[in-house]
Amino acid sequence: MLKAMVRIAIMPVLLIGRLLLGTLAFITTISSAVIGLGTGLFIILAMVEFFIGYWQNGIALLALGVLVSPIGLPAIANFMLKRLDSAFAFVEGKIC
């Protein structure tokens, strides 16, 4: 009886959490695609800076390019989304 009451109390929170997780995954996917275009722009600008002779600016732009590339901030966001998903799955497994 107590388990059923806990299940009823926690289920709306889990449902809202799952909907929020799906929305965040969608936003992350779309933003990763847009950021991929920005990465190309940063790399092209860094190469131009290197050829002009402003190598400090070129290094800064390459660092920004790596940061916004799929191995930078989007990878961290995907890692966090996967951990949140596994946390929800763990709670659902314990309750159900």
C-alpha atoms as a PDB file:
ATOM      1  CA  MET A   1       0.000   0.000   0.000  1.00  0.00           C
ATOM      2  CA  LEU A   2       2.795   2.411   0.896  1.00  0.00           C
ATOM      3  CA  LYS A   3       4.653   1.604  -2.318  1.00  0.00           C
ATOM      4  CA  ALA A   4       1.540   2.397  -4.370  1.00  0.00           C
ATOM      5  CA  MET A   5       1.130   5.756  -2.618  1.00  0.00           C
ATOM      6  CA  VAL A   6       4.794   6.622  -3.223  1.00  0.00           C
ATOM      7  CA  ARG A   7       4.422   5.586  -6.863  1.00  0.00           C
ATOM      8  CA  ILE A   8       1.365   7.837  -7.264  1.00  0.00           C
ATOM      9  CA  ALA A   9       3.147  10.748  -5.584  1.00  0.00           C
ATOM     10  CA  ILE A  10       6.381  10.476  -7.583  1.00  0.00           C
ATOM     11  CA  MET A  11       4.939   9.650 -11.010  1.00  0.00           C
ATOM     12  CA  PRO A  12       3.975  13.261 -11.954  1.00  0.00           C
ATOM     13  CA  VAL A  13       7.472  14.443 -11.039  1.00  0.00           C
ATOM     14  CA  LEU A  14       9.004  11.706 -13.184  1.00  0.00           C
ATOM     15  CA  LEU A  15       6.666  12.512 -16.063  1.00  0.00           C
ATOM     16  CA  ILE A  16       7.553  16.211 -15.950  1.00  0.00           C
ATOM     17  CA  GLY A  17      11.228  15.274 -15.675  1.00  0.00           C
ATOM     18  CA  ARG A  18      11.036  13.000 -18.712  1.00  0.00           C
ATOM     19  CA  LEU A  19       9.270  15.678 -20.750  1.00  0.00           C
ATOM     20  CA  LEU A  20      11.894  18.231 -19.712  1.00  0.00           C
ATOM     21  CA  LEU A  21      14.665  15.773 -20.567  1.00  0.00           C
ATOM     22  CA  GLY A  22      13.207  15.199 -24.034  1.00  0.00           C
ATOM     23  CA  THR A  23      12.899  18.932 -24.622  1.00  0.00           C
ATOM     24  CA  LEU A  24      16.492  19.499 -23.529  1.00  0.00           C
ATOM     25  CA  ALA A  25      17.720  16.689 -25.787  1.00  0.00           C
ATOM     26  CA  PHE A  26      15.885  18.275 -28.742  1.00  0.00           C
ATOM     27  CA  ILE A  27      17.339  21.712 -28.010  1.00  0.00           C
ATOM     28  CA  THR A  28      20.825  20.220 -27.633  1.00  0.00           C
ATOM     29  CA  THR A  29      20.540  18.446 -30.980  1.00  0.00           C
ATOM     30  CA  ILE A  30      19.405  21.565 -32.825  1.00  0.00           C
ATOM     31  CA  SER A  31      22.000  23.780 -31.153  1.00  0.00           C
ATOM     32  CA  SER A  32      24.781  21.292 -31.929  1.00  0.00           C
ATOM     33  CA  ALA A  33      23.911  21.496 -35.612  1.00  0.00           C
ATOM     34  CA  VAL A  34      23.939  25.289 -35.564  1.00  0.00           C
ATOM     35  CA  ILE A  35      27.135  25.407 -33.508  1.00  0.00           C
ATOM     36  CA  GLY A  36      28.806  23.102 -36.050  1.00  0.00           C
ATOM     37  CA  LEU A  37      28.485  25.887 -38.596  1.00  0.00           C
ATOM     38  CA  GLY A  38      30.028  28.329 -36.147  1.00  0.00           C
ATOM     39  CA  THR A  39      32.954  25.978 -35.623  1.00  0.00           C
ATOM     40  CA  GLY A  40      33.772  26.091 -39.326  1.00  0.00           C
ATOM     41  CA  LEU A  41      33.634  29.867 -39.242  1.00  0.00           C
ATOM     42  CA  PHE A  42      35.990  30.036 -36.250  1.00  0.00           C
ATOM     43  CA  ILE A  43      38.496  27.747 -37.963  1.00  0.00           C
ATOM     44  CA  ILE A  44      38.411  29.751 -41.199  1.00  0.00           C
ATOM     45  CA  LEU A  45      38.889  33.000 -39.266  1.00  0.00           C
ATOM     46  CA  ALA A  46      41.749  31.438 -37.281  1.00  0.00           C
ATOM     47  CA  MET A  47      43.526  30.445 -40.495  1.00  0.00           C
ATOM     48  CA  VAL A  48      43.092  33.971 -41.860  1.00  0.00           C
ATOM     49  CA  GLU A  49      44.548  35.387 -38.653  1.00  0.00           C
ATOM     50  CA  PHE A  50      47.521  33.022 -38.886  1.00  0.00           C
ATOM     51  CA  PHE A  51      48.226  34.066 -42.485  1.00  0.00           C
ATOM     52  CA  ILE A  52      47.898  37.770 -41.678  1.00  0.00           C
ATOM     53  CA  GLY A  53      50.386  37.422 -38.856  1.00  0.00           C
ATOM     54  CA  TYR A  54      48.219  37.806 -35.765  1.00  0.00           C
ATOM     55  CA  TRP A  55      48.957  34.366 -34.387  1.00  0.00           C
ATOM     56  CA  GLN A  56      47.644  35.216 -30.873  1.00  0.00           C
ATOM     57  CA  ASN A  57      44.194  35.888 -32.313  1.00  0.00           C
ATOM     58  CA  GLY A  58      44.469  32.728 -34.399  1.00  0.00           C
ATOM     59  CA  ILE A  59      45.165  30.636 -31.311  1.00  0.00           C
ATOM     60  CA  ALA A  60      42.241  32.251 -29.487  1.00  0.00           C
ATOM     61  CA  LEU A  61      39.895  31.534 -32.385  1.00  0.00           C
ATOM     62  CA  LEU A  62      41.101  27.931 -32.607  1.00  0.00           C
ATOM     63  CA  ALA A  63      40.462  27.538 -28.873  1.00  0.00           C
ATOM     64  CA  LEU A  64      36.930  28.901 -29.351  1.00  0.00           C
ATOM     65  CA  GLY A  65      36.463  26.566 -32.300  1.00  0.00           C
ATOM     66  CA  VAL A  66      37.402  23.545 -30.195  1.00  0.00           C
ATOM     67  CA  LEU A  67      35.204  24.737 -27.346  1.00  0.00           C
ATOM     68  CA  VAL A  68      32.080  24.989 -29.506  1.00  0.00           C
ATOM     69  CA  SER A  69      32.876  21.967 -31.667  1.00  0.00           C
ATOM     70  CA  PRO A  70      31.108  18.638 -31.061  1.00  0.00           C
ATOM     71  CA  ILE A  71      33.969  17.592 -28.770  1.00  0.00           C
ATOM     72  CA  GLY A  72      33.577  20.675 -26.536  1.00  0.00           C
ATOM     73  CA  LEU A  73      30.483  22.038 -24.832  1.00  0.00           C
ATOM     74  CA  PRO A  74      27.917  19.934 -26.773  1.00  0.00           C
ATOM     75  CA  ALA A  75      29.732  16.780 -25.619  1.00  0.00           C
ATOM     76  CA  ILE A  76      29.460  17.933 -22.011  1.00  0.00           C
ATOM     77  CA  ALA A  77      25.739  18.663 -22.493  1.00  0.00           C
ATOM     78  CA  ASN A  78      25.155  15.213 -24.008  1.00  0.00           C
ATOM     79  CA  PHE A  79      27.086  13.592 -21.145  1.00  0.00           C
ATOM     80  CA  MET A  80      24.907  15.397 -18.606  1.00  0.00           C
ATOM     81  CA  LEU A  81      21.713  14.442 -20.445  1.00  0.00           C
ATOM     82  CA  LYS A  82      22.741  10.772 -20.450  1.00  0.00           C
ATOM     83  CA  ARG A  83      23.471  10.889 -16.709  1.00  0.00           C
ATOM     84  CA  LEU A  84      20.083  12.519 -16.035  1.00  0.00           C
ATOM     85  CA  ASP A  85      18.381   9.858 -18.154  1.00  0.00           C
ATOM     86  CA  SER A  86      20.088   7.075 -16.216  1.00  0.00           C
ATOM     87  CA  ALA A  87      19.109   8.736 -12.917  1.00  0.00           C
ATOM     88  CA  PHE A  88      15.458   8.832 -14.008  1.00  0.00           C
ATOM     89  CA  ALA A  89      15.672   5.202 -15.134  1.00  0.00           C
ATOM     90  CA  PHE A  90      17.134   4.221 -11.760  1.00  0.00           C
ATOM     91  CA  VAL A  91      14.339   5.954  -9.846  1.00  0.00           C
ATOM     92  CA  GLU A  92      11.693   4.453 -12.135  1.00  0.00           C
ATOM     93  CA  GLY A  93      13.228   1.007 -11.685  1.00  0.00           C
ATOM     94  CA  LYS A  94      13.152   1.314  -7.898  1.00  0.00           C
ATOM     95  CA  ILE A  95       9.578   2.578  -7.810  1.00  0.00           C
ATOM     96  CA  CYS A  96       7.970   0.304 -10.381  1.00  0.00           C
END
